[in-house]
Amino acid sequence: MKLGFLTAPFPETPLMEVADWAAATGFEVLEIACWPRSSGPTRRYAGTSHIDVANLSQSQAREIVDEIAAKGLAISGLGYYPNPLHPDPGHREEVIGHLKLVIVAAEKMGIPLVNTFMGADGARNQDENLEEAQRVWPEIIAFANDHCRKLTFENCPMLFSYDEWPGGHNIATTPRMWRRILEKWSDTVGLNFDPSHLILQMIDIGRFLKEFGPHVRHYQAKDLMIDRDGLYERGIMSMGMGWQVPRIPGLGDVDWSVVHGELYRAGYEGDCIIEHEDRRFEGTDEKVKQGFLIARDVLRPYCH
């Protein structure tokens, strides 16, 4: 298991500079953020475009892979986390179109995984969203299969702000929904597992991995702290508003020995990718790096 990180928290830093720092500080692998190139506002922890997939030539793709390999690093996957089930048809078409460009870029680069969200319309319930997913996703999955890439869906409920409340913007979150997703699409898709989202939903991490561990194709290490005072004030029906605090691994409530124990038991042979969403360690590249180094030291003993 190689240890690395998602490049999203370095939106203004060129990819190769990020790679140089990663290699110099003992990281081994990167998940590369591939949002569209744009100048408008973006969602927090989104919008980073370390590869311009819309204009990526075959020779450029090979150059990126070779340059990263020359630094002693590997690439775990390409990451793009939009909402392909967004209720606005124009926005939905835009994000699906870019997702396909990411899939093509992964093929050019020889990277097997594209990591994303299944999405949801926050105004609909989960069953309604699953019906819409069964209409929208077969064509996208077929496109990925045609390009010999595998899609992995992160289990994030997308409930971090009031514009995502109350329903969230992703349905691939709970055991009930993952059973139905796997029943429909089986091994043509995989789970991009982030244990912090189970802390938020109060789902047993060990039990979840015992059931779904064999379907984990990519693993993002992010922590989450429950603010007990915030929970007391607002209650669980606030769906995390005011009491969920994303943290760097080691500073929250995830038991990493359980996570890695169950992943190894399930036969997971992929990488451990740190995902940085901790406000305490953001604002400058140096603060982001500090957070990643803390997480590195927490997770290193588990990654072999």
Protein backbone atom coordinates (compact mmCIF):
# COMPACT_ATOMS: atom_id res chain seq x y z
CA MET A 1 0.00 0.00 0.00
CA LYS A 2 1.59 3.27 -1.15
CA LEU A 3 0.91 6.51 0.72
CA GLY A 4 0.02 9.71 -1.11
CA PHE A 5 -2.53 12.48 -1.42
CA LEU A 6 -5.14 14.15 -3.61
CA THR A 7 -3.64 17.27 -5.20
CA ALA A 8 -6.82 19.40 -4.88
CA PRO A 9 -5.59 21.64 -1.98
CA PHE A 10 -2.85 23.10 -4.25
CA PRO A 11 -5.03 24.92 -6.82
CA GLU A 12 -2.43 27.53 -7.77
CA THR A 13 0.66 25.32 -7.64
CA PRO A 14 1.75 23.52 -10.85
CA LEU A 15 1.46 19.75 -10.74
CA MET A 16 5.19 19.10 -11.05
CA GLU A 17 5.95 21.41 -8.14
CA VAL A 18 3.43 19.47 -6.07
CA ALA A 19 5.08 16.24 -7.22
CA ASP A 20 8.55 17.51 -6.30
CA TRP A 21 7.40 18.29 -2.75
CA ALA A 22 5.60 14.95 -2.46
CA ALA A 23 8.68 13.00 -3.50
CA ALA A 24 10.97 15.02 -1.22
CA THR A 25 8.79 14.36 1.84
CA GLY A 26 8.34 10.62 1.49
CA PHE A 27 5.04 10.33 -0.36
CA GLU A 28 4.80 7.72 -3.09
CA VAL A 29 1.63 8.36 -5.08
CA LEU A 30 -0.71 11.14 -6.19
CA GLU A 31 -4.39 11.28 -7.07
CA ILE A 32 -4.48 14.12 -9.59
CA ALA A 33 -7.33 16.66 -9.47
CA CYS A 34 -8.83 17.20 -12.94
CA TRP A 35 -11.61 19.77 -12.69
CA PRO A 36 -12.21 21.94 -15.79
CA ARG A 37 -9.98 24.93 -16.42
CA SER A 38 -12.09 27.93 -15.39
CA SER A 39 -11.80 31.34 -13.76
CA GLY A 40 -15.16 31.47 -11.98
CA PRO A 41 -16.01 30.54 -8.38
CA THR A 42 -15.75 26.88 -7.41
CA ARG A 43 -16.99 24.72 -4.56
CA ARG A 44 -14.62 24.53 -1.62
CA TYR A 45 -12.04 21.75 -2.15
CA ALA A 46 -13.00 21.58 -5.81
CA GLY A 47 -11.98 23.33 -9.00
CA THR A 48 -8.30 22.37 -9.09
CA SER A 49 -7.15 21.57 -12.62
CA HIS A 50 -3.73 19.94 -12.51
CA ILE A 51 -4.29 18.37 -15.93
CA ASP A 52 -6.12 20.18 -18.73
CA VAL A 53 -7.93 17.06 -19.92
CA ALA A 54 -9.88 18.98 -22.57
CA ASN A 55 -6.68 19.71 -24.48
CA LEU A 56 -4.48 16.77 -23.50
CA SER A 57 -2.61 15.16 -26.38
CA GLN A 58 -1.27 11.62 -26.31
CA SER A 59 2.32 12.91 -26.16
CA GLN A 60 1.49 15.28 -23.29
CA ALA A 61 -0.21 12.46 -21.41
CA ARG A 62 2.89 10.30 -21.72
CA GLU A 63 5.16 13.18 -20.69
CA ILE A 64 3.17 13.74 -17.48
CA VAL A 65 3.30 10.06 -16.55
CA ASP A 66 6.99 9.76 -17.34
CA GLU A 67 7.93 12.93 -15.45
CA ILE A 68 6.02 11.85 -12.35
CA ALA A 69 7.56 8.37 -12.54
CA ALA A 70 11.03 9.91 -12.83
CA LYS A 71 10.40 11.56 -9.44
CA GLY A 72 9.72 8.12 -7.93
CA LEU A 73 5.95 8.63 -7.78
CA ALA A 74 2.94 6.74 -9.12
CA ILE A 75 -0.59 7.94 -9.95
CA SER A 76 -3.47 6.26 -8.11
CA GLY A 77 -6.20 7.76 -10.31
CA LEU A 78 -7.64 10.91 -11.79
CA GLY A 79 -10.13 12.72 -9.53
CA TYR A 80 -13.15 14.77 -10.57
CA TYR A 81 -16.04 15.07 -8.11
CA PRO A 82 -19.03 16.91 -9.64
CA ASN A 83 -22.77 16.14 -9.55
CA PRO A 84 -23.81 14.13 -12.64
CA LEU A 85 -27.40 13.97 -11.32
CA HIS A 86 -27.71 17.74 -10.89
CA PRO A 87 -31.32 18.89 -11.48
CA ASP A 88 -30.25 21.57 -13.99
CA PRO A 89 -29.97 19.84 -17.40
CA GLY A 90 -27.34 22.25 -18.69
CA HIS A 91 -25.09 21.82 -15.67
CA ARG A 92 -25.57 18.06 -15.76
CA GLU A 93 -24.58 17.90 -19.43
CA GLU A 94 -21.50 20.00 -18.72
CA VAL A 95 -20.21 17.85 -15.87
CA ILE A 96 -20.90 14.55 -17.66
CA GLY A 97 -19.09 15.88 -20.70
CA HIS A 98 -16.05 16.76 -18.61
CA LEU A 99 -16.17 13.42 -16.80
CA LYS A 100 -15.88 11.71 -20.17
CA LEU A 101 -12.84 13.87 -20.97
CA VAL A 102 -11.27 12.70 -17.71
CA ILE A 103 -11.96 9.09 -18.70
CA VAL A 104 -10.28 9.62 -22.07
CA ALA A 105 -7.32 11.32 -20.37
CA ALA A 106 -6.94 8.36 -18.02
CA GLU A 107 -6.83 6.06 -21.04
CA LYS A 108 -4.14 8.20 -22.70
CA MET A 109 -2.10 8.14 -19.49
CA GLY A 110 -2.59 4.42 -18.84
CA ILE A 111 -4.29 5.08 -15.49
CA PRO A 112 -7.02 2.52 -14.74
CA LEU A 113 -9.18 4.49 -12.27
CA VAL A 114 -11.32 7.61 -12.56
CA ASN A 115 -12.70 8.67 -9.17
CA THR A 116 -15.94 10.64 -8.98
CA PHE A 117 -19.40 11.04 -7.41
CA MET A 118 -22.58 9.30 -8.49
CA GLY A 119 -24.41 12.52 -7.55
CA ALA A 120 -27.97 13.32 -6.54
CA ASP A 121 -30.71 15.93 -6.66
CA GLY A 122 -30.90 17.17 -3.07
CA ALA A 123 -34.63 17.86 -3.45
CA ARG A 124 -35.38 14.18 -4.19
CA ASN A 125 -35.24 11.19 -1.85
CA GLN A 126 -32.72 8.39 -2.34
CA ASP A 127 -35.09 6.03 -4.13
CA GLU A 128 -36.04 8.73 -6.63
CA ASN A 129 -32.40 9.58 -7.17
CA LEU A 130 -31.53 5.93 -7.73
CA GLU A 131 -34.21 5.73 -10.42
CA GLU A 132 -32.62 8.73 -12.12
CA ALA A 133 -29.16 7.20 -11.73
CA GLN A 134 -30.38 4.08 -13.48
CA ARG A 135 -31.39 6.27 -16.38
CA VAL A 136 -28.26 8.46 -16.51
CA TRP A 137 -25.36 6.26 -15.49
CA PRO A 138 -25.52 3.24 -17.86
CA GLU A 139 -24.30 5.33 -20.78
CA ILE A 140 -21.44 6.84 -18.73
CA ILE A 141 -20.40 3.43 -17.39
CA ALA A 142 -20.52 1.99 -20.91
CA PHE A 143 -18.30 4.87 -22.07
CA ALA A 144 -15.77 4.06 -19.33
CA ASN A 145 -15.88 0.37 -20.24
CA ASP A 146 -15.32 1.19 -23.92
CA HIS A 147 -12.16 3.04 -22.86
CA CYS A 148 -11.13 0.22 -20.49
CA ARG A 149 -11.30 2.46 -17.41
CA LYS A 150 -13.06 1.73 -14.14
CA LEU A 151 -15.14 4.31 -12.28
CA THR A 152 -15.06 4.51 -8.50
CA PHE A 153 -17.70 6.39 -6.52
CA GLU A 154 -16.85 8.16 -3.27
CA ASN A 155 -19.25 7.51 -0.38
CA CYS A 156 -19.62 11.20 0.53
CA PRO A 157 -23.18 12.41 1.32
CA MET A 158 -22.25 15.93 0.12
CA LEU A 159 -23.67 17.58 3.21
CA PHE A 160 -21.19 20.26 4.22
CA SER A 161 -23.16 23.48 3.65
CA TYR A 162 -26.71 24.76 3.66
CA ASP A 163 -26.91 24.77 -0.14
CA GLU A 164 -26.52 20.98 0.06
CA TRP A 165 -29.07 20.51 2.85
CA PRO A 166 -31.28 18.53 3.47
CA GLY A 167 -30.91 15.74 0.92
CA GLY A 168 -27.26 15.93 -0.03
CA HIS A 169 -25.82 15.71 -3.53
CA ASN A 170 -24.65 12.08 -3.65
CA ILE A 171 -26.51 8.82 -3.14
CA ALA A 172 -23.63 6.30 -3.05
CA THR A 173 -23.31 6.63 0.71
CA THR A 174 -24.98 3.92 2.81
CA PRO A 175 -24.99 0.10 2.92
CA ARG A 176 -28.57 0.10 1.62
CA MET A 177 -27.64 2.17 -1.42
CA TRP A 178 -24.35 0.40 -2.12
CA ARG A 179 -26.07 -2.99 -2.21
CA ARG A 180 -28.43 -1.63 -4.86
CA ILE A 181 -25.63 0.01 -6.85
CA LEU A 182 -23.61 -3.21 -6.88
CA GLU A 183 -26.68 -5.28 -7.72
CA LYS A 184 -27.20 -3.06 -10.76
CA TRP A 185 -23.62 -2.54 -11.95
CA SER A 186 -21.62 -5.24 -10.15
CA ASP A 187 -17.87 -5.07 -10.74
CA THR A 188 -18.11 -2.51 -13.55
CA VAL A 189 -17.85 0.16 -10.82
CA GLY A 190 -16.02 0.30 -7.52
CA LEU A 191 -16.05 2.08 -4.17
CA ASN A 192 -13.74 5.02 -3.50
CA PHE A 193 -13.79 4.57 0.25
CA ASP A 194 -13.52 7.49 2.69
CA PRO A 195 -14.12 6.47 6.33
CA SER A 196 -14.87 10.01 7.53
CA HIS A 197 -18.27 9.90 5.81
CA LEU A 198 -19.29 6.92 7.92
CA ILE A 199 -18.46 8.85 11.10
CA LEU A 200 -20.88 11.57 9.95
CA GLN A 201 -23.61 9.01 9.21
CA MET A 202 -22.88 7.01 12.40
CA ILE A 203 -22.32 3.86 10.35
CA ASP A 204 -19.99 1.23 11.81
CA ILE A 205 -16.75 1.40 9.77
CA GLY A 206 -15.57 -2.12 10.55
CA ARG A 207 -18.94 -3.66 9.70
CA PHE A 208 -19.16 -1.62 6.49
CA LEU A 209 -15.75 -2.83 5.33
CA LYS A 210 -16.51 -6.42 6.22
CA GLU A 211 -19.41 -6.22 3.76
CA PHE A 212 -18.06 -3.87 1.09
CA GLY A 213 -14.29 -4.16 1.49
CA PRO A 214 -13.94 -6.43 -1.57
CA HIS A 215 -15.46 -3.65 -3.69
CA VAL A 216 -13.01 -0.94 -2.56
CA ARG A 217 -10.92 0.04 -5.59
CA HIS A 218 -9.56 3.34 -4.24
CA TYR A 219 -9.12 4.62 -0.69
CA GLN A 220 -9.11 8.23 0.51
CA ALA A 221 -7.98 8.85 4.07
CA LYS A 222 -9.84 11.77 5.63
CA ASP A 223 -10.82 12.20 9.26
CA LEU A 224 -13.87 13.78 10.85
CA MET A 225 -14.44 15.08 14.37
CA ILE A 226 -17.90 15.30 15.85
CA ASP A 227 -18.25 18.57 17.77
CA ARG A 228 -20.29 17.31 20.72
CA ASP A 229 -21.31 20.81 21.78
CA GLY A 230 -22.53 21.54 18.26
CA LEU A 231 -24.42 18.25 18.19
CA TYR A 232 -26.00 19.10 21.54
CA GLU A 233 -27.06 22.55 20.30
CA ARG A 234 -28.39 21.57 16.87
CA GLY A 235 -29.29 17.88 17.16
CA ILE A 236 -28.73 15.05 14.76
CA MET A 237 -31.58 16.19 12.50
CA SER A 238 -29.42 19.14 11.40
CA MET A 239 -27.60 16.51 9.29
CA GLY A 240 -24.15 17.61 10.41
CA MET A 241 -24.65 21.35 10.03
CA GLY A 242 -22.76 22.82 12.97
CA TRP A 243 -21.24 19.62 14.33
CA GLN A 244 -19.22 17.84 11.65
CA VAL A 245 -15.61 19.02 11.46
CA PRO A 246 -13.42 17.57 8.65
CA ARG A 247 -9.92 16.92 10.02
CA ILE A 248 -6.54 15.66 8.94
CA PRO A 249 -6.11 11.91 9.70
CA GLY A 250 -5.21 11.47 13.33
CA LEU A 251 -7.07 14.55 14.55
CA GLY A 252 -10.61 13.21 14.35
CA ASP A 253 -12.73 10.23 15.38
CA VAL A 254 -11.70 7.60 12.78
CA ASP A 255 -9.95 4.53 14.21
CA TRP A 256 -7.27 3.97 11.57
CA SER A 257 -6.26 0.57 12.94
CA VAL A 258 -9.80 -0.66 12.22
CA VAL A 259 -9.83 0.87 8.72
CA HIS A 260 -6.51 -0.62 7.66
CA GLY A 261 -7.10 -3.91 9.43
CA GLU A 262 -10.34 -4.47 7.54
CA LEU A 263 -8.91 -3.23 4.22
CA TYR A 264 -6.01 -5.67 4.46
CA ARG A 265 -8.39 -8.45 5.52
CA ALA A 266 -10.54 -7.72 2.45
CA GLY A 267 -7.50 -8.03 0.19
CA TYR A 268 -7.23 -4.37 -0.76
CA GLU A 269 -3.99 -3.84 -2.70
CA GLY A 270 -4.41 -0.21 -3.74
CA ASP A 271 -3.06 3.03 -2.32
CA CYS A 272 -3.84 5.24 0.67
CA ILE A 273 -4.65 8.74 -0.59
CA ILE A 274 -4.88 11.49 2.02
CA GLU A 275 -7.72 13.93 1.33
CA HIS A 276 -7.22 17.35 2.92
CA GLU A 277 -10.32 19.30 4.02
CA ASP A 278 -9.10 20.60 7.38
CA ARG A 279 -9.68 24.34 7.84
CA ARG A 280 -6.97 24.46 10.53
CA PHE A 281 -4.37 23.69 7.84
CA GLU A 282 -5.43 25.80 4.87
CA GLY A 283 -4.92 29.31 3.53
CA THR A 284 -1.36 28.88 2.27
CA ASP A 285 0.60 26.06 0.67
CA GLU A 286 2.76 25.86 3.79
CA LYS A 287 -0.24 25.24 6.03
CA VAL A 288 -1.60 22.63 3.62
CA LYS A 289 1.78 20.91 3.62
CA GLN A 290 1.84 20.92 7.43
CA GLY A 291 -1.49 19.11 7.45
CA PHE A 292 -0.33 16.53 4.93
CA LEU A 293 2.83 15.85 6.95
CA ILE A 294 0.82 15.26 10.13
CA ALA A 295 -1.39 12.81 8.24
CA ARG A 296 1.68 11.16 6.69
CA ASP A 297 3.14 10.41 10.11
CA VAL A 298 -0.17 9.05 11.42
CA LEU A 299 -0.80 6.74 8.45
CA ARG A 300 2.75 5.66 7.55
CA PRO A 301 2.82 2.76 10.07
CA TYR A 302 -0.21 1.21 8.38
CA CYS A 303 1.01 1.48 4.75
CA HIS A 304 3.23 -1.35 3.56
